[in-house]
Amino acid sequence: MTGVYVVRNQLGHYWGKGRHWVDGSQPRAVLRSAHRDEALNTLFELSSRDIELRGEVLAVTLDERGEPQVEPSAIPLPDAADEAATADAVPAAAPDSAGAA
């Protein structure tokens, strides 16, 4: 197999094997599909959960170690700690506003 397909979003991040976006700096973590239709199905499933997603399926070649040759994104990934803090803050604010009304 000399080529595979990967899913990339509008920020240049790639869909990873761990079911989260990766920046491409570690090609081993990028999910690769042997068939274009598999990658398209993955993109369709992702875009059905995130309507803001603008993704594409790219055909890439494999290097000598069998890892996809992808260009790392210049845009940093969102910090998981920041996302968790934001998610925790929303439920905490809801009871306060309900109690005041």
PDB file of N, CA and C in Angstrom:
ATOM      1  N   MET A   1       0.856  -1.169   0.000  1.00  0.00           N
ATOM      2  CA  MET A   1       0.000   0.000   0.000  1.00  0.00           C
ATOM      3  C   MET A   1       0.903   1.233   0.000  1.00  0.00           C
ATOM      4  N   THR A   2       0.831   2.032  -1.056  1.00  0.00           N
ATOM      5  CA  THR A   2       1.684   3.209  -1.157  1.00  0.00           C
ATOM      6  C   THR A   2       0.936   4.494  -0.838  1.00  0.00           C
ATOM      7  N   GLY A   3      -0.365   4.458  -0.791  1.00  0.00           N
ATOM      8  CA  GLY A   3      -1.138   5.657  -0.501  1.00  0.00           C
ATOM      9  C   GLY A   3      -2.327   5.341   0.385  1.00  0.00           C
ATOM     10  N   VAL A   4      -2.705   6.325   1.190  1.00  0.00           N
ATOM     11  CA  VAL A   4      -3.858   6.192   2.070  1.00  0.00           C
ATOM     12  C   VAL A   4      -4.620   7.515   2.054  1.00  0.00           C
ATOM     13  N   TYR A   5      -5.753   7.524   2.729  1.00  0.00           N
ATOM     14  CA  TYR A   5      -6.589   8.705   2.813  1.00  0.00           C
ATOM     15  C   TYR A   5      -6.697   9.153   4.261  1.00  0.00           C
ATOM     16  N   VAL A   6      -6.644  10.467   4.471  1.00  0.00           N
ATOM     17  CA  VAL A   6      -6.772  11.049   5.802  1.00  0.00           C
ATOM     18  C   VAL A   6      -7.836  12.140   5.752  1.00  0.00           C
ATOM     19  N   VAL A   7      -8.381  12.467   6.933  1.00  0.00           N
ATOM     20  CA  VAL A   7      -9.390  13.527   7.044  1.00  0.00           C
ATOM     21  C   VAL A   7      -8.723  14.733   7.694  1.00  0.00           C
ATOM     22  N   ARG A   8      -8.861  15.898   7.058  1.00  0.00           N
ATOM     23  CA  ARG A   8      -8.281  17.140   7.578  1.00  0.00           C
ATOM     24  C   ARG A   8      -9.375  18.190   7.698  1.00  0.00           C
ATOM     25  N   ASN A   9      -9.352  18.961   8.792  1.00  0.00           N
ATOM     26  CA  ASN A   9     -10.357  20.006   8.967  1.00  0.00           C
ATOM     27  C   ASN A   9      -9.860  21.348   8.453  1.00  0.00           C
ATOM     28  N   GLN A  10     -10.688  22.380   8.615  1.00  0.00           N
ATOM     29  CA  GLN A  10     -10.362  23.706   8.083  1.00  0.00           C
ATOM     30  C   GLN A  10      -9.174  24.356   8.779  1.00  0.00           C
ATOM     31  N   LEU A  11      -8.781  23.858   9.945  1.00  0.00           N
ATOM     32  CA  LEU A  11      -7.633  24.403  10.669  1.00  0.00           C
ATOM     33  C   LEU A  11      -6.335  23.654  10.350  1.00  0.00           C
ATOM     34  N   GLY A  12      -6.423  22.645   9.511  1.00  0.00           N
ATOM     35  CA  GLY A  12      -5.243  21.861   9.156  1.00  0.00           C
ATOM     36  C   GLY A  12      -4.977  20.716  10.106  1.00  0.00           C
ATOM     37  N   HIS A  13      -5.907  20.450  11.026  1.00  0.00           N
ATOM     38  CA  HIS A  13      -5.761  19.330  11.955  1.00  0.00           C
ATOM     39  C   HIS A  13      -6.300  18.063  11.301  1.00  0.00           C
ATOM     40  N   TYR A  14      -5.766  16.938  11.731  1.00  0.00           N
ATOM     41  CA  TYR A  14      -6.136  15.644  11.160  1.00  0.00           C
ATOM     42  C   TYR A  14      -6.910  14.826  12.184  1.00  0.00           C
ATOM     43  N   TRP A  15      -7.857  14.021  11.695  1.00  0.00           N
ATOM     44  CA  TRP A  15      -8.588  13.143  12.593  1.00  0.00           C
ATOM     45  C   TRP A  15      -7.646  12.021  13.010  1.00  0.00           C
ATOM     46  N   GLY A  16      -7.550  11.785  14.315  1.00  0.00           N
ATOM     47  CA  GLY A  16      -6.581  10.843  14.849  1.00  0.00           C
ATOM     48  C   GLY A  16      -7.160   9.497  15.214  1.00  0.00           C
ATOM     49  N   LYS A  17      -6.273   8.569  15.450  1.00  0.00           N
ATOM     50  CA  LYS A  17      -6.664   7.222  15.855  1.00  0.00           C
ATOM     51  C   LYS A  17      -7.368   7.218  17.209  1.00  0.00           C
ATOM     52  N   GLY A  18      -7.077   8.198  18.059  1.00  0.00           N
ATOM     53  CA  GLY A  18      -7.675   8.290  19.387  1.00  0.00           C
ATOM     54  C   GLY A  18      -9.035   8.977  19.380  1.00  0.00           C
ATOM     55  N   ARG A  19      -9.607   9.152  18.210  1.00  0.00           N
ATOM     56  CA  ARG A  19     -10.918   9.788  18.036  1.00  0.00           C
ATOM     57  C   ARG A  19     -10.945  11.230  18.515  1.00  0.00           C
ATOM     58  N   HIS A  20      -9.873  11.951  18.221  1.00  0.00           N
ATOM     59  CA  HIS A  20      -9.805  13.381  18.463  1.00  0.00           C
ATOM     60  C   HIS A  20      -8.861  13.982  17.420  1.00  0.00           C
ATOM     61  N   TRP A  21      -8.909  15.299  17.293  1.00  0.00           N
ATOM     62  CA  TRP A  21      -8.083  15.974  16.299  1.00  0.00           C
ATOM     63  C   TRP A  21      -6.636  16.046  16.775  1.00  0.00           C
ATOM     64  N   VAL A  22      -5.724  15.825  15.846  1.00  0.00           N
ATOM     65  CA  VAL A  22      -4.290  15.932  16.111  1.00  0.00           C
ATOM     66  C   VAL A  22      -3.697  16.920  15.106  1.00  0.00           C
ATOM     67  N   ASP A  23      -2.561  17.509  15.471  1.00  0.00           N
ATOM     68  CA  ASP A  23      -1.986  18.546  14.606  1.00  0.00           C
ATOM     69  C   ASP A  23      -1.122  18.009  13.469  1.00  0.00           C
ATOM     70  N   GLY A  24      -0.847  16.740  13.454  1.00  0.00           N
ATOM     71  CA  GLY A  24      -0.060  16.156  12.375  1.00  0.00           C
ATOM     72  C   GLY A  24       1.427  16.125  12.637  1.00  0.00           C
ATOM     73  N   SER A  25       1.858  16.638  13.791  1.00  0.00           N
ATOM     74  CA  SER A  25       3.291  16.619  14.100  1.00  0.00           C
ATOM     75  C   SER A  25       3.786  15.202  14.389  1.00  0.00           C
ATOM     76  N   GLN A  26       2.873  14.314  14.773  1.00  0.00           N
ATOM     77  CA  GLN A  26       3.194  12.899  14.978  1.00  0.00           C
ATOM     78  C   GLN A  26       2.330  12.085  14.016  1.00  0.00           C
ATOM     79  N   PRO A  27       2.829  11.828  12.820  1.00  0.00           N
ATOM     80  CA  PRO A  27       2.032  11.153  11.792  1.00  0.00           C
ATOM     81  C   PRO A  27       1.479   9.793  12.229  1.00  0.00           C
ATOM     82  N   ARG A  28       2.131   9.149  13.186  1.00  0.00           N
ATOM     83  CA  ARG A  28       1.662   7.843  13.662  1.00  0.00           C
ATOM     84  C   ARG A  28       0.257   7.943  14.274  1.00  0.00           C
ATOM     85  N   ALA A  29      -0.094   9.101  14.829  1.00  0.00           N
ATOM     86  CA  ALA A  29      -1.383   9.296  15.496  1.00  0.00           C
ATOM     87  C   ALA A  29      -2.520   9.614  14.529  1.00  0.00           C
ATOM     88  N   VAL A  30      -2.206   9.900  13.272  1.00  0.00           N
ATOM     89  CA  VAL A  30      -3.226  10.261  12.283  1.00  0.00           C
ATOM     90  C   VAL A  30      -3.939   9.004  11.790  1.00  0.00           C
ATOM     91  N   LEU A  31      -5.273   9.058  11.811  1.00  0.00           N
ATOM     92  CA  LEU A  31      -6.069   7.935  11.304  1.00  0.00           C
ATOM     93  C   LEU A  31      -5.946   7.885   9.787  1.00  0.00           C
ATOM     94  N   ARG A  32      -5.690   6.721   9.283  1.00  0.00           N
ATOM     95  CA  ARG A  32      -5.579   6.550   7.838  1.00  0.00           C
ATOM     96  C   ARG A  32      -6.525   5.462   7.374  1.00  0.00           C
ATOM     97  N   SER A  33      -7.085   5.653   6.189  1.00  0.00           N
ATOM     98  CA  SER A  33      -8.009   4.690   5.605  1.00  0.00           C
ATOM     99  C   SER A  33      -7.431   4.199   4.293  1.00  0.00           C
ATOM    100  N   ALA A  34      -7.579   2.929   4.055  1.00  0.00           N
ATOM    101  CA  ALA A  34      -7.074   2.353   2.815  1.00  0.00           C
ATOM    102  C   ALA A  34      -7.947   2.744   1.624  1.00  0.00           C
ATOM    103  N   HIS A  35      -9.221   3.035   1.907  1.00  0.00           N
ATOM    104  CA  HIS A  35     -10.176   3.343   0.834  1.00  0.00           C
ATOM    105  C   HIS A  35     -10.774   4.727   1.037  1.00  0.00           C
ATOM    106  N   ARG A  36     -10.973   5.430  -0.052  1.00  0.00           N
ATOM    107  CA  ARG A  36     -11.507   6.794   0.009  1.00  0.00           C
ATOM    108  C   ARG A  36     -12.899   6.823   0.622  1.00  0.00           C
ATOM    109  N   ASP A  37     -13.736   5.831   0.305  1.00  0.00           N
ATOM    110  CA  ASP A  37     -15.100   5.838   0.833  1.00  0.00           C
ATOM    111  C   ASP A  37     -15.118   5.679   2.354  1.00  0.00           C
ATOM    112  N   GLU A  38     -14.163   4.975   2.928  1.00  0.00           N
ATOM    113  CA  GLU A  38     -14.076   4.868   4.389  1.00  0.00           C
ATOM    114  C   GLU A  38     -13.767   6.234   5.001  1.00  0.00           C
ATOM    115  N   ALA A  39     -12.845   6.961   4.391  1.00  0.00           N
ATOM    116  CA  ALA A  39     -12.495   8.289   4.880  1.00  0.00           C
ATOM    117  C   ALA A  39     -13.672   9.253   4.712  1.00  0.00           C
ATOM    118  N   LEU A  40     -14.401   9.140   3.611  1.00  0.00           N
ATOM    119  CA  LEU A  40     -15.580   9.978   3.404  1.00  0.00           C
ATOM    120  C   LEU A  40     -16.654   9.683   4.443  1.00  0.00           C
ATOM    121  N   ASN A  41     -16.849   8.420   4.778  1.00  0.00           N
ATOM    122  CA  ASN A  41     -17.816   8.066   5.818  1.00  0.00           C
ATOM    123  C   ASN A  41     -17.407   8.669   7.159  1.00  0.00           C
ATOM    124  N   THR A  42     -16.120   8.626   7.482  1.00  0.00           N
ATOM    125  CA  THR A  42     -15.630   9.227   8.720  1.00  0.00           C
ATOM    126  C   THR A  42     -15.903  10.722   8.722  1.00  0.00           C
ATOM    127  N   LEU A  43     -15.611  11.392   7.622  1.00  0.00           N
ATOM    128  CA  LEU A  43     -15.859  12.826   7.512  1.00  0.00           C
ATOM    129  C   LEU A  43     -17.348  13.131   7.649  1.00  0.00           C
ATOM    130  N   PHE A  44     -18.193  12.333   7.045  1.00  0.00           N
ATOM    131  CA  PHE A  44     -19.643  12.531   7.141  1.00  0.00           C
ATOM    132  C   PHE A  44     -20.110  12.400   8.591  1.00  0.00           C
ATOM    133  N   GLU A  45     -19.627  11.380   9.293  1.00  0.00           N
ATOM    134  CA  GLU A  45     -20.008  11.189  10.696  1.00  0.00           C
ATOM    135  C   GLU A  45     -19.536  12.360  11.555  1.00  0.00           C
ATOM    136  N   LEU A  46     -18.326  12.835  11.313  1.00  0.00           N
ATOM    137  CA  LEU A  46     -17.809  13.966  12.074  1.00  0.00           C
ATOM    138  C   LEU A  46     -18.616  15.233  11.804  1.00  0.00           C
ATOM    139  N   SER A  47     -18.951  15.467  10.552  1.00  0.00           N
ATOM    140  CA  SER A  47     -19.682  16.690  10.213  1.00  0.00           C
ATOM    141  C   SER A  47     -21.137  16.633  10.666  1.00  0.00           C
ATOM    142  N   SER A  48     -21.670  15.438  10.884  1.00  0.00           N
ATOM    143  CA  SER A  48     -23.037  15.357  11.405  1.00  0.00           C
ATOM    144  C   SER A  48     -23.074  15.707  12.888  1.00  0.00           C
ATOM    145  N   ARG A  49     -21.955  15.563  13.598  1.00  0.00           N
ATOM    146  CA  ARG A  49     -21.863  15.943  15.011  1.00  0.00           C
ATOM    147  C   ARG A  49     -21.412  17.380  15.199  1.00  0.00           C
ATOM    148  N   ASP A  50     -20.700  17.926  14.226  1.00  0.00           N
ATOM    149  CA  ASP A  50     -20.167  19.284  14.322  1.00  0.00           C
ATOM    150  C   ASP A  50     -20.503  20.029  13.036  1.00  0.00           C
ATOM    151  N   ILE A  51     -21.551  20.864  13.088  1.00  0.00           N
ATOM    152  CA  ILE A  51     -22.008  21.533  11.864  1.00  0.00           C
ATOM    153  C   ILE A  51     -21.040  22.625  11.405  1.00  0.00           C
ATOM    154  N   GLU A  52     -20.110  23.025  12.255  1.00  0.00           N
ATOM    155  CA  GLU A  52     -19.114  24.034  11.885  1.00  0.00           C
ATOM    156  C   GLU A  52     -17.915  23.426  11.156  1.00  0.00           C
ATOM    157  N   LEU A  53     -17.837  22.110  11.107  1.00  0.00           N
ATOM    158  CA  LEU A  53     -16.693  21.432  10.500  1.00  0.00           C
ATOM    159  C   LEU A  53     -16.678  21.629   8.987  1.00  0.00           C
ATOM    160  N   ARG A  54     -15.532  22.024   8.507  1.00  0.00           N
ATOM    161  CA  ARG A  54     -15.282  22.098   7.065  1.00  0.00           C
ATOM    162  C   ARG A  54     -14.073  21.219   6.812  1.00  0.00           C
ATOM    163  N   GLY A  55     -14.335  19.996   6.426  1.00  0.00           N
ATOM    164  CA  GLY A  55     -13.257  19.040   6.269  1.00  0.00           C
ATOM    165  C   GLY A  55     -13.087  18.582   4.842  1.00  0.00           C
ATOM    166  N   GLU A  56     -12.012  17.849   4.650  1.00  0.00           N
ATOM    167  CA  GLU A  56     -11.727  17.283   3.336  1.00  0.00           C
ATOM    168  C   GLU A  56     -10.986  15.969   3.509  1.00  0.00           C
ATOM    169  N   VAL A  57     -11.095  15.141   2.505  1.00  0.00           N
ATOM    170  CA  VAL A  57     -10.369  13.878   2.472  1.00  0.00           C
ATOM    171  C   VAL A  57      -9.179  14.065   1.546  1.00  0.00           C
ATOM    172  N   LEU A  58      -8.005  13.756   2.057  1.00  0.00           N
ATOM    173  CA  LEU A  58      -6.777  13.905   1.278  1.00  0.00           C
ATOM    174  C   LEU A  58      -6.131  12.555   1.010  1.00  0.00           C
ATOM    175  N   ALA A  59      -5.641  12.381  -0.195  1.00  0.00           N
ATOM    176  CA  ALA A  59      -4.836  11.207  -0.522  1.00  0.00           C
ATOM    177  C   ALA A  59      -3.387  11.561  -0.206  1.00  0.00           C
ATOM    178  N   VAL A  60      -2.762  10.760   0.626  1.00  0.00           N
ATOM    179  CA  VAL A  60      -1.366  11.001   0.994  1.00  0.00           C
ATOM    180  C   VAL A  60      -0.565   9.720   0.782  1.00  0.00           C
ATOM    181  N   THR A  61       0.740   9.888   0.655  1.00  0.00           N
ATOM    182  CA  THR A  61       1.616   8.730   0.498  1.00  0.00           C
ATOM    183  C   THR A  61       2.179   8.347   1.862  1.00  0.00           C
ATOM    184  N   LEU A  62       2.664   7.131   1.933  1.00  0.00           N
ATOM    185  CA  LEU A  62       3.280   6.636   3.158  1.00  0.00           C
ATOM    186  C   LEU A  62       4.796   6.762   3.038  1.00  0.00           C
ATOM    187  N   ASP A  63       5.435   7.062   4.155  1.00  0.00           N
ATOM    188  CA  ASP A  63       6.888   7.110   4.137  1.00  0.00           C
ATOM    189  C   ASP A  63       7.453   5.699   4.296  1.00  0.00           C
ATOM    190  N   GLU A  64       8.761   5.603   4.409  1.00  0.00           N
ATOM    191  CA  GLU A  64       9.404   4.277   4.491  1.00  0.00           C
ATOM    192  C   GLU A  64       9.024   3.516   5.751  1.00  0.00           C
ATOM    193  N   ARG A  65       8.558   4.212   6.795  1.00  0.00           N
ATOM    194  CA  ARG A  65       8.127   3.539   8.024  1.00  0.00           C
ATOM    195  C   ARG A  65       6.638   3.201   8.020  1.00  0.00           C
ATOM    196  N   GLY A  66       5.945   3.545   6.933  1.00  0.00           N
ATOM    197  CA  GLY A  66       4.527   3.244   6.820  1.00  0.00           C
ATOM    198  C   GLY A  66       3.618   4.281   7.465  1.00  0.00           C
ATOM    199  N   GLU A  67       4.155   5.460   7.742  1.00  0.00           N
ATOM    200  CA  GLU A  67       3.366   6.537   8.325  1.00  0.00           C
ATOM    201  C   GLU A  67       2.971   7.529   7.237  1.00  0.00           C
ATOM    202  N   PRO A  68       1.770   8.130   7.346  1.00  0.00           N
ATOM    203  CA  PRO A  68       1.345   9.073   6.312  1.00  0.00           C
ATOM    204  C   PRO A  68       2.197  10.331   6.316  1.00  0.00           C
ATOM    205  N   GLN A  69       2.500  10.824   5.137  1.00  0.00           N
ATOM    206  CA  GLN A  69       3.282  12.049   5.004  1.00  0.00           C
ATOM    207  C   GLN A  69       2.297  13.218   4.980  1.00  0.00           C
ATOM    208  N   VAL A  70       2.105  13.831   6.151  1.00  0.00           N
ATOM    209  CA  VAL A  70       1.172  14.946   6.292  1.00  0.00           C
ATOM    210  C   VAL A  70       1.930  16.192   6.730  1.00  0.00           C
ATOM    211  N   GLU A  71       1.369  17.329   6.380  1.00  0.00           N
ATOM    212  CA  GLU A  71       1.971  18.601   6.779  1.00  0.00           C
ATOM    213  C   GLU A  71       1.366  19.022   8.113  1.00  0.00           C
ATOM    214  N   PRO A  72       2.188  19.180   9.149  1.00  0.00           N
ATOM    215  CA  PRO A  72       1.655  19.595  10.450  1.00  0.00           C
ATOM    216  C   PRO A  72       0.970  20.957  10.371  1.00  0.00           C
ATOM    217  N   SER A  73      -0.068  21.123  11.153  1.00  0.00           N
ATOM    218  CA  SER A  73      -0.824  22.367  11.184  1.00  0.00           C
ATOM    219  C   SER A  73      -0.040  23.448  11.919  1.00  0.00           C
ATOM    220  N   ALA A  74      -0.131  24.674  11.412  1.00  0.00           N
ATOM    221  CA  ALA A  74       0.491  25.817  12.079  1.00  0.00           C
ATOM    222  C   ALA A  74      -0.405  26.364  13.188  1.00  0.00           C
ATOM    223  N   ILE A  75      -1.669  25.952  13.206  1.00  0.00           N
ATOM    224  CA  ILE A  75      -2.626  26.404  14.206  1.00  0.00           C
ATOM    225  C   ILE A  75      -2.636  25.401  15.352  1.00  0.00           C
ATOM    226  N   PRO A  76      -2.391  25.859  16.576  1.00  0.00           N
ATOM    227  CA  PRO A  76      -2.357  24.921  17.704  1.00  0.00           C
ATOM    228  C   PRO A  76      -3.732  24.312  17.987  1.00  0.00           C
ATOM    229  N   LEU A  77      -3.706  23.123  18.537  1.00  0.00           N
ATOM    230  CA  LEU A  77      -4.944  22.452  18.932  1.00  0.00           C
ATOM    231  C   LEU A  77      -5.549  23.146  20.144  1.00  0.00           C
ATOM    232  N   PRO A  78      -6.874  23.156  20.259  1.00  0.00           N
ATOM    233  CA  PRO A  78      -7.479  23.691  21.482  1.00  0.00           C
ATOM    234  C   PRO A  78      -7.019  22.871  22.679  1.00  0.00           C
ATOM    235  N   ASP A  79      -6.736  23.529  23.781  1.00  0.00           N
ATOM    236  CA  ASP A  79      -6.267  22.850  24.981  1.00  0.00           C
ATOM    237  C   ASP A  79      -7.425  22.115  25.634  1.00  0.00           C
ATOM    238  N   ALA A  80      -7.264  20.832  25.901  1.00  0.00           N
ATOM    239  CA  ALA A  80      -8.319  20.025  26.518  1.00  0.00           C
ATOM    240  C   ALA A  80      -8.670  20.552  27.905  1.00  0.00           C
ATOM    241  N   ALA A  81      -7.703  21.093  28.622  1.00  0.00           N
ATOM    242  CA  ALA A  81      -7.973  21.636  29.958  1.00  0.00           C
ATOM    243  C   ALA A  81      -8.872  22.865  29.867  1.00  0.00           C
ATOM    244  N   ASP A  82      -8.649  23.717  28.859  1.00  0.00           N
ATOM    245  CA  ASP A  82      -9.505  24.888  28.674  1.00  0.00           C
ATOM    246  C   ASP A  82     -10.928  24.475  28.342  1.00  0.00           C
ATOM    247  N   GLU A  83     -11.085  23.447  27.498  1.00  0.00           N
ATOM    248  CA  GLU A  83     -12.415  22.967  27.146  1.00  0.00           C
ATOM    249  C   GLU A  83     -13.126  22.376  28.354  1.00  0.00           C
ATOM    250  N   ALA A  84     -12.404  21.644  29.187  1.00  0.00           N
ATOM    251  CA  ALA A  84     -13.004  21.041  30.378  1.00  0.00           C
ATOM    252  C   ALA A  84     -13.415  22.125  31.367  1.00  0.00           C
ATOM    253  N   ALA A  85     -12.611  23.162  31.520  1.00  0.00           N
ATOM    254  CA  ALA A  85     -12.952  24.247  32.429  1.00  0.00           C
ATOM    255  C   ALA A  85     -14.197  24.984  31.947  1.00  0.00           C
ATOM    256  N   THR A  86     -14.315  25.191  30.656  1.00  0.00           N
ATOM    257  CA  THR A  86     -15.485  25.844  30.095  1.00  0.00           C
ATOM    258  C   THR A  86     -16.725  24.980  30.295  1.00  0.00           C
ATOM    259  N   ALA A  87     -16.592  23.690  30.094  1.00  0.00           N
ATOM    260  CA  ALA A  87     -17.724  22.785  30.265  1.00  0.00           C
ATOM    261  C   ALA A  87     -18.160  22.733  31.727  1.00  0.00           C
ATOM    262  N   ASP A  88     -17.204  22.780  32.663  1.00  0.00           N
ATOM    263  CA  ASP A  88     -17.535  22.776  34.083  1.00  0.00           C
ATOM    264  C   ASP A  88     -18.197  24.081  34.504  1.00  0.00           C
ATOM    265  N   ALA A  89     -17.815  25.184  33.898  1.00  0.00           N
ATOM    266  CA  ALA A  89     -18.351  26.487  34.293  1.00  0.00           C
ATOM    267  C   ALA A  89     -19.809  26.643  33.889  1.00  0.00           C
ATOM    268  N   VAL A  90     -20.220  26.065  32.794  1.00  0.00           N
ATOM    269  CA  VAL A  90     -21.601  26.216  32.327  1.00  0.00           C
ATOM    270  C   VAL A  90     -22.592  25.587  33.290  1.00  0.00           C
ATOM    271  N   PRO A  91     -22.442  24.318  33.727  1.00  0.00           N
ATOM    272  CA  PRO A  91     -23.406  23.754  34.669  1.00  0.00           C
ATOM    273  C   PRO A  91     -23.390  24.468  36.016  1.00  0.00           C
ATOM    274  N   ALA A  92     -22.244  24.973  36.460  1.00  0.00           N
ATOM    275  CA  ALA A  92     -22.164  25.648  37.752  1.00  0.00           C
ATOM    276  C   ALA A  92     -22.950  26.955  37.714  1.00  0.00           C
ATOM    277  N   ALA A  93     -23.001  27.622  36.568  1.00  0.00           N
ATOM    278  CA  ALA A  93     -23.708  28.888  36.460  1.00  0.00           C
ATOM    279  C   ALA A  93     -25.214  28.689  36.374  1.00  0.00           C
ATOM    280  N   ALA A  94     -25.653  27.561  35.863  1.00  0.00           N
ATOM    281  CA  ALA A  94     -27.082  27.317  35.678  1.00  0.00           C
ATOM    282  C   ALA A  94     -27.860  27.292  36.989  1.00  0.00           C
ATOM    283  N   PRO A  95     -27.434  26.592  38.068  1.00  0.00           N
ATOM    284  CA  PRO A  95     -28.209  26.596  39.309  1.00  0.00           C
ATOM    285  C   PRO A  95     -28.301  27.976  39.950  1.00  0.00           C
ATOM    286  N   ASP A  96     -27.243  28.795  39.848  1.00  0.00           N
ATOM    287  CA  ASP A  96     -27.263  30.128  40.437  1.00  0.00           C
ATOM    288  C   ASP A  96     -28.325  30.997  39.796  1.00  0.00           C
ATOM    289  N   SER A  97     -28.408  30.938  38.479  1.00  0.00           N
ATOM    290  CA  SER A  97     -29.389  31.766  37.777  1.00  0.00           C
ATOM    291  C   SER A  97     -30.799  31.247  38.006  1.00  0.00           C
ATOM    292  N   ALA A  98     -30.954  29.942  38.184  1.00  0.00           N
ATOM    293  CA  ALA A  98     -32.284  29.367  38.435  1.00  0.00           C
ATOM    294  C   ALA A  98     -32.745  29.714  39.841  1.00  0.00           C
ATOM    295  N   GLY A  99     -31.814  29.750  40.798  1.00  0.00           N
ATOM    296  CA  GLY A  99     -32.167  30.059  42.182  1.00  0.00           C
ATOM    297  C   GLY A  99     -32.529  31.518  42.358  1.00  0.00           C
ATOM    298  N   ALA A 100     -31.960  32.408  41.527  1.00  0.00           N
ATOM    299  CA  ALA A 100     -32.223  33.840  41.642  1.00  0.00           C
ATOM    300  C   ALA A 100     -33.584  34.195  41.055  1.00  0.00           C
ATOM    301  N   ALA A 101     -34.111  33.381  40.159  1.00  0.00           N
ATOM    302  CA  ALA A 101     -35.367  33.715  39.498  1.00  0.00           C
ATOM    303  C   ALA A 101     -36.574  33.349  40.285  1.00  0.00           C
TER     304      ALA A 101
END
